[in-house]
Structure formats: structure tokens, C-alpha cells
Amino acid sequence: MKASDADILIIPGYTNSGPSHWQSRWEAKLSTARRVEQAEWTKPVREDWIARIAEEVNASTRPVVLVAHSLGVPSVIHAIPHFRNRVAGAFLVAPPDVANPDIRPKHLMTFGPYPRDPLPFPSITVASRNDPFGSYEHADEIASSWGSFLVDAGESGHINADSGHGPWPEGTMVFAQFLGRLSAD
């Protein structure tokens, strides 16, 4: 599949992705990409975020490729039962451990726990070994339960602009390879 064959939905996490974040850069470069906007970025409500993602998937006219970061990951996983249109694949980056009672702000725990059912579409989960919001072991466990291919990003922090991942060329290469393996049918 080529990017032009898909509706690429950019799904940021808590507080949104700023202009230097790799998600914003990808959105600007990919002609078929659009951001899933949330009404409340700083006080997220799980049901509202899930509904917005499902709304965007269901409004799509081409196969959907989801590109989620951080709190966008559990939002996508919880939204799956509400999808009526085809999702060709999901690229899931830096999944936070939303069941961890030490997560801050505390209301992010309302997005947990993660469903553990296998995903109904191909996926890649990219995780860092020193992400302050979720351990690599946790990412490995959930990716395994979903049937998602886990990519070890090494010590990359939260894989965002603050950790030096604005352009994120390695992520671009992995995403391009993933996209190339997806079926447009």
C-alpha cells in the first residue's frame, strides 16, 4: 500500500503533538494524513476520545492506517469495537502504562487497562527502554497479546520532541516499510 491509498489518521496523546513532534511533521508531509482532533487535550475523557477516533475511522473513504502516540494508543485500542470501516493497520508508538497507579496526571488511569484481545489488523508497536510513562516490558506484554510486531527503539525516552524525536528518521523508515506491507484491498 502507498500512503495515497490510505486515510492516515494521526492520533496524538495527552496535550496533543506540537509543531516539532514527529506526528505533526508526518501530518504535514503525507497528503492523505489528518489529525484526530480532541475537544479536550489536557483533561482527556476516555469515552470522548474513543468516540472521536471511531468517528474519523467511520468517516474515511479509503482503508485507514492509524498512527497513534502515547495516550492515543489506549484510545485506539478501546475504540476498535466501534469501527465500521476497514482499518488496514496501526502504527502504535510509546504506549503508556495506564494501569500504573504512579502515572501522572492520575486521571490518565481512566484509559486503562488495555484490552488484551488480538488486534483485527496488522500492527507495529514501537517502544523505548527508558520511557518514563511505560516500561519496555509492559509494551512487550501488550504487543504480544495483540499480535503486534514490537520494535525496540532503544533508550529513546517517550519518543517525542522532548526526547529529540522531532524528525525521527528511523520511525519514518519503519513506517514506510510497514505501509508497504499492508494491503489496499
C-alpha atoms as a PDB file:
ATOM      1  CA  MET A   1       0.000   0.000   0.000  1.00  0.00           C
ATOM      2  CA  LYS A   2       1.123   3.533  -0.738  1.00  0.00           C
ATOM      3  CA  ALA A   3       0.288   6.479   1.520  1.00  0.00           C
ATOM      4  CA  SER A   4      -2.005   7.804  -1.216  1.00  0.00           C
ATOM      5  CA  ASP A   5      -4.100   4.599  -0.967  1.00  0.00           C
ATOM      6  CA  ALA A   6      -4.992   5.209   2.690  1.00  0.00           C
ATOM      7  CA  ASP A   7      -6.566   7.657   5.068  1.00  0.00           C
ATOM      8  CA  ILE A   8      -3.753   8.104   7.582  1.00  0.00           C
ATOM      9  CA  LEU A   9      -5.158   9.163  10.926  1.00  0.00           C
ATOM     10  CA  ILE A  10      -2.683  10.882  13.250  1.00  0.00           C
ATOM     11  CA  ILE A  11      -3.770  10.254  16.843  1.00  0.00           C
ATOM     12  CA  PRO A  12      -1.757  12.275  19.370  1.00  0.00           C
ATOM     13  CA  GLY A  13      -1.678  11.688  23.089  1.00  0.00           C
ATOM     14  CA  TYR A  14      -2.152  13.812  26.171  1.00  0.00           C
ATOM     15  CA  THR A  15      -1.719  17.571  25.437  1.00  0.00           C
ATOM     16  CA  ASN A  16      -1.569  16.923  21.648  1.00  0.00           C
ATOM     17  CA  SER A  17       1.583  16.851  19.486  1.00  0.00           C
ATOM     18  CA  GLY A  18       3.246  20.220  18.962  1.00  0.00           C
ATOM     19  CA  PRO A  19       4.688  21.512  15.674  1.00  0.00           C
ATOM     20  CA  SER A  20       8.117  19.929  16.219  1.00  0.00           C
ATOM     21  CA  HIS A  21       6.715  16.479  17.144  1.00  0.00           C
ATOM     22  CA  TRP A  22       7.235  13.737  14.556  1.00  0.00           C
ATOM     23  CA  GLN A  23       3.436  13.243  14.258  1.00  0.00           C
ATOM     24  CA  SER A  24       2.944  16.874  13.219  1.00  0.00           C
ATOM     25  CA  ARG A  25       5.792  16.592  10.729  1.00  0.00           C
ATOM     26  CA  TRP A  26       4.319  13.413   9.218  1.00  0.00           C
ATOM     27  CA  GLU A  27       0.882  15.015   9.019  1.00  0.00           C
ATOM     28  CA  ALA A  28       2.377  17.935   7.070  1.00  0.00           C
ATOM     29  CA  LYS A  29       4.255  15.639   4.656  1.00  0.00           C
ATOM     30  CA  LEU A  30       1.649  12.960   3.982  1.00  0.00           C
ATOM     31  CA  SER A  31      -1.096  14.282   1.715  1.00  0.00           C
ATOM     32  CA  THR A  32      -3.699  11.805   2.979  1.00  0.00           C
ATOM     33  CA  ALA A  33      -2.936  12.316   6.676  1.00  0.00           C
ATOM     34  CA  ARG A  34      -5.218  14.140   9.057  1.00  0.00           C
ATOM     35  CA  ARG A  35      -5.156  14.635  12.805  1.00  0.00           C
ATOM     36  CA  VAL A  36      -7.912  13.313  15.013  1.00  0.00           C
ATOM     37  CA  GLU A  37      -8.745  16.451  16.998  1.00  0.00           C
ATOM     38  CA  GLN A  38      -9.959  16.095  20.562  1.00  0.00           C
ATOM     39  CA  ALA A  39     -12.178  18.619  22.347  1.00  0.00           C
ATOM     40  CA  GLU A  40     -10.050  18.430  25.482  1.00  0.00           C
ATOM     41  CA  TRP A  41      -6.331  17.727  25.170  1.00  0.00           C
ATOM     42  CA  THR A  42      -5.355  18.471  28.796  1.00  0.00           C
ATOM     43  CA  LYS A  43      -8.251  16.772  30.614  1.00  0.00           C
ATOM     44  CA  PRO A  44      -8.914  13.776  28.366  1.00  0.00           C
ATOM     45  CA  VAL A  45     -12.121  11.792  28.812  1.00  0.00           C
ATOM     46  CA  ARG A  46     -11.766   8.217  27.587  1.00  0.00           C
ATOM     47  CA  GLU A  47     -15.265   7.912  26.100  1.00  0.00           C
ATOM     48  CA  ASP A  48     -14.902  11.217  24.225  1.00  0.00           C
ATOM     49  CA  TRP A  49     -11.500  10.291  22.790  1.00  0.00           C
ATOM     50  CA  ILE A  50     -12.748   6.851  21.714  1.00  0.00           C
ATOM     51  CA  ALA A  51     -15.834   8.373  20.074  1.00  0.00           C
ATOM     52  CA  ARG A  52     -13.737  10.898  18.083  1.00  0.00           C
ATOM     53  CA  ILE A  53     -11.380   8.201  16.800  1.00  0.00           C
ATOM     54  CA  ALA A  54     -14.292   5.949  15.799  1.00  0.00           C
ATOM     55  CA  GLU A  55     -15.998   8.908  14.108  1.00  0.00           C
ATOM     56  CA  GLU A  56     -12.907   9.623  11.997  1.00  0.00           C
ATOM     57  CA  VAL A  57     -12.376   5.951  11.092  1.00  0.00           C
ATOM     58  CA  ASN A  58     -16.034   5.574  10.141  1.00  0.00           C
ATOM     59  CA  ALA A  59     -15.971   8.752   8.013  1.00  0.00           C
ATOM     60  CA  SER A  60     -12.981   7.546   5.993  1.00  0.00           C
ATOM     61  CA  THR A  61     -13.372   6.719   2.314  1.00  0.00           C
ATOM     62  CA  ARG A  62     -10.179   4.672   1.932  1.00  0.00           C
ATOM     63  CA  PRO A  63      -8.593   1.984   4.091  1.00  0.00           C
ATOM     64  CA  VAL A  64      -7.405   3.545   7.343  1.00  0.00           C
ATOM     65  CA  VAL A  65      -3.897   3.478   8.782  1.00  0.00           C
ATOM     66  CA  LEU A  66      -3.764   4.616  12.403  1.00  0.00           C
ATOM     67  CA  VAL A  67      -0.653   6.407  13.698  1.00  0.00           C
ATOM     68  CA  ALA A  68      -1.029   6.723  17.466  1.00  0.00           C
ATOM     69  CA  HIS A  69       1.374   8.102  20.063  1.00  0.00           C
ATOM     70  CA  SER A  70       1.233   7.787  23.846  1.00  0.00           C
ATOM     71  CA  LEU A  71      -2.341   8.180  25.188  1.00  0.00           C
ATOM     72  CA  GLY A  72      -3.517   7.821  21.597  1.00  0.00           C
ATOM     73  CA  VAL A  73      -2.552   4.131  21.809  1.00  0.00           C
ATOM     74  CA  PRO A  74      -5.036   3.026  24.514  1.00  0.00           C
ATOM     75  CA  SER A  75      -7.619   5.316  22.912  1.00  0.00           C
ATOM     76  CA  VAL A  76      -7.249   3.422  19.618  1.00  0.00           C
ATOM     77  CA  ILE A  77      -7.366   0.012  21.291  1.00  0.00           C
ATOM     78  CA  HIS A  78     -10.552   0.886  23.193  1.00  0.00           C
ATOM     79  CA  ALA A  79     -12.140   2.335  20.013  1.00  0.00           C
ATOM     80  CA  ILE A  80     -11.728  -0.830  17.896  1.00  0.00           C
ATOM     81  CA  PRO A  81     -15.203  -2.283  18.690  1.00  0.00           C
ATOM     82  CA  HIS A  82     -16.756   0.933  17.310  1.00  0.00           C
ATOM     83  CA  PHE A  83     -15.033   0.797  13.901  1.00  0.00           C
ATOM     84  CA  ARG A  84     -17.374   0.176  10.967  1.00  0.00           C
ATOM     85  CA  ASN A  85     -14.837   0.919   8.218  1.00  0.00           C
ATOM     86  CA  ARG A  86     -11.749  -1.083   7.363  1.00  0.00           C
ATOM     87  CA  VAL A  87      -8.545  -0.419   9.247  1.00  0.00           C
ATOM     88  CA  ALA A  88      -5.596  -1.648   7.198  1.00  0.00           C
ATOM     89  CA  GLY A  89      -3.081  -1.299  10.036  1.00  0.00           C
ATOM     90  CA  ALA A  90      -1.889   0.561  13.113  1.00  0.00           C
ATOM     91  CA  PHE A  91       1.473   2.099  13.984  1.00  0.00           C
ATOM     92  CA  LEU A  92       1.465   2.402  17.797  1.00  0.00           C
ATOM     93  CA  VAL A  93       4.259   4.393  19.433  1.00  0.00           C
ATOM     94  CA  ALA A  94       5.247   4.754  23.111  1.00  0.00           C
ATOM     95  CA  PRO A  95       2.236   3.088  24.762  1.00  0.00           C
ATOM     96  CA  PRO A  96       1.915   4.385  28.326  1.00  0.00           C
ATOM     97  CA  ASP A  97       1.187   2.040  31.208  1.00  0.00           C
ATOM     98  CA  VAL A  98      -2.237   3.487  32.005  1.00  0.00           C
ATOM     99  CA  ALA A  99      -2.852   0.871  34.717  1.00  0.00           C
ATOM    100  CA  ASN A 100       0.180   2.064  36.714  1.00  0.00           C
ATOM    101  CA  PRO A 101      -1.034   3.918  39.838  1.00  0.00           C
ATOM    102  CA  ASP A 102       2.092   6.111  39.693  1.00  0.00           C
ATOM    103  CA  ILE A 103       1.162   7.618  36.300  1.00  0.00           C
ATOM    104  CA  ARG A 104       0.693  11.385  36.327  1.00  0.00           C
ATOM    105  CA  PRO A 105      -1.667  13.043  35.907  1.00  0.00           C
ATOM    106  CA  LYS A 106      -3.657  10.404  37.739  1.00  0.00           C
ATOM    107  CA  HIS A 107      -6.802  10.717  35.582  1.00  0.00           C
ATOM    108  CA  LEU A 108      -4.881   9.058  32.715  1.00  0.00           C
ATOM    109  CA  MET A 109      -5.542   5.774  34.551  1.00  0.00           C
ATOM    110  CA  THR A 110      -9.140   6.011  33.298  1.00  0.00           C
ATOM    111  CA  PHE A 111      -7.744   4.896  29.905  1.00  0.00           C
ATOM    112  CA  GLY A 112      -6.621   1.576  31.396  1.00  0.00           C
ATOM    113  CA  PRO A 113      -6.389  -1.271  31.491  1.00  0.00           C
ATOM    114  CA  TYR A 114      -5.615  -2.222  27.909  1.00  0.00           C
ATOM    115  CA  PRO A 115      -7.791  -4.843  26.230  1.00  0.00           C
ATOM    116  CA  ARG A 116      -5.650  -7.911  25.530  1.00  0.00           C
ATOM    117  CA  ASP A 117      -7.537  -9.329  22.560  1.00  0.00           C
ATOM    118  CA  PRO A 118      -5.616  -9.848  19.309  1.00  0.00           C
ATOM    119  CA  LEU A 119      -5.998  -6.837  17.020  1.00  0.00           C
ATOM    120  CA  PRO A 120      -8.134  -7.377  13.910  1.00  0.00           C
ATOM    121  CA  PHE A 121      -5.492  -5.739  11.674  1.00  0.00           C
ATOM    122  CA  PRO A 122      -1.687  -5.748  11.313  1.00  0.00           C
ATOM    123  CA  SER A 123       0.205  -3.526  13.724  1.00  0.00           C
ATOM    124  CA  ILE A 124       3.602  -2.413  14.897  1.00  0.00           C
ATOM    125  CA  THR A 125       4.278  -1.242  18.435  1.00  0.00           C
ATOM    126  CA  VAL A 126       7.386   0.907  18.925  1.00  0.00           C
ATOM    127  CA  ALA A 127       8.674   1.117  22.492  1.00  0.00           C
ATOM    128  CA  SER A 128      11.618   2.692  24.250  1.00  0.00           C
ATOM    129  CA  ARG A 129      13.643   1.067  27.029  1.00  0.00           C
ATOM    130  CA  ASN A 130      13.588   4.241  29.151  1.00  0.00           C
ATOM    131  CA  ASP A 131      10.132   5.683  28.523  1.00  0.00           C
ATOM    132  CA  PRO A 132       9.055   7.451  31.741  1.00  0.00           C
ATOM    133  CA  PHE A 133       5.381   6.620  31.015  1.00  0.00           C
ATOM    134  CA  GLY A 134       5.657   2.895  30.359  1.00  0.00           C
ATOM    135  CA  SER A 135       8.240   0.162  30.678  1.00  0.00           C
ATOM    136  CA  TYR A 136       9.565  -1.812  27.750  1.00  0.00           C
ATOM    137  CA  GLU A 137       8.384  -4.980  29.495  1.00  0.00           C
ATOM    138  CA  HIS A 138       4.835  -3.630  29.640  1.00  0.00           C
ATOM    139  CA  ALA A 139       4.960  -2.718  25.930  1.00  0.00           C
ATOM    140  CA  ASP A 140       6.293  -6.189  25.114  1.00  0.00           C
ATOM    141  CA  GLU A 141       3.458  -7.820  27.053  1.00  0.00           C
ATOM    142  CA  ILE A 142       0.636  -5.831  25.439  1.00  0.00           C
ATOM    143  CA  ALA A 143       2.141  -6.043  21.944  1.00  0.00           C
ATOM    144  CA  SER A 144       2.414  -9.813  22.344  1.00  0.00           C
ATOM    145  CA  SER A 145      -1.234 -10.124  23.419  1.00  0.00           C
ATOM    146  CA  TRP A 146      -2.328  -8.001  20.436  1.00  0.00           C
ATOM    147  CA  GLY A 147      -0.221  -9.961  17.928  1.00  0.00           C
ATOM    148  CA  SER A 148       1.647  -6.720  17.213  1.00  0.00           C
ATOM    149  CA  PHE A 149       5.238  -6.690  15.994  1.00  0.00           C
ATOM    150  CA  LEU A 150       7.350  -4.975  18.672  1.00  0.00           C
ATOM    151  CA  VAL A 151      10.143  -2.630  17.597  1.00  0.00           C
ATOM    152  CA  ASP A 152      12.817  -1.915  20.209  1.00  0.00           C
ATOM    153  CA  ALA A 153      13.643   1.799  19.959  1.00  0.00           C
ATOM    154  CA  GLY A 154      16.485   1.506  22.471  1.00  0.00           C
ATOM    155  CA  GLU A 155      16.831   4.285  25.024  1.00  0.00           C
ATOM    156  CA  SER A 156      14.650   6.862  23.294  1.00  0.00           C
ATOM    157  CA  GLY A 157      12.648   8.346  26.143  1.00  0.00           C
ATOM    158  CA  HIS A 158       8.996   8.959  25.254  1.00  0.00           C
ATOM    159  CA  ILE A 159       9.775   9.155  21.502  1.00  0.00           C
ATOM    160  CA  ASN A 160       8.580  12.739  21.232  1.00  0.00           C
ATOM    161  CA  ALA A 161      10.091  16.151  20.536  1.00  0.00           C
ATOM    162  CA  ASP A 162      11.286  16.461  24.153  1.00  0.00           C
ATOM    163  CA  SER A 163      13.373  13.297  23.744  1.00  0.00           C
ATOM    164  CA  GLY A 164      14.864  14.555  20.460  1.00  0.00           C
ATOM    165  CA  HIS A 165      12.440  12.797  18.117  1.00  0.00           C
ATOM    166  CA  GLY A 166      11.138  15.674  16.055  1.00  0.00           C
ATOM    167  CA  PRO A 167      12.151  14.455  12.590  1.00  0.00           C
ATOM    168  CA  TRP A 168      12.566  10.802  13.747  1.00  0.00           C
ATOM    169  CA  PRO A 169      14.012   9.384  10.501  1.00  0.00           C
ATOM    170  CA  GLU A 170      14.199   5.847  11.939  1.00  0.00           C
ATOM    171  CA  GLY A 171      10.468   5.938  12.621  1.00  0.00           C
ATOM    172  CA  THR A 172       9.796   7.212   9.117  1.00  0.00           C
ATOM    173  CA  MET A 173      11.699   4.253   7.654  1.00  0.00           C
ATOM    174  CA  VAL A 174       9.890   1.698   9.834  1.00  0.00           C
ATOM    175  CA  PHE A 175       6.518   3.277   8.988  1.00  0.00           C
ATOM    176  CA  ALA A 176       7.284   3.264   5.249  1.00  0.00           C
ATOM    177  CA  GLN A 177       8.216  -0.441   5.388  1.00  0.00           C
ATOM    178  CA  PHE A 178       5.075  -1.219   7.386  1.00  0.00           C
ATOM    179  CA  LEU A 179       2.869   0.725   4.961  1.00  0.00           C
ATOM    180  CA  GLY A 180       4.449  -1.115   2.028  1.00  0.00           C
ATOM    181  CA  ARG A 181       3.405  -4.459   3.517  1.00  0.00           C
ATOM    182  CA  LEU A 182      -0.248  -3.506   4.033  1.00  0.00           C
ATOM    183  CA  SER A 183      -2.929  -4.476   1.565  1.00  0.00           C
ATOM    184  CA  ALA A 184      -5.042  -1.759  -0.082  1.00  0.00           C
ATOM    185  CA  ASP A 185      -7.907  -4.254  -0.620  1.00  0.00           C
END
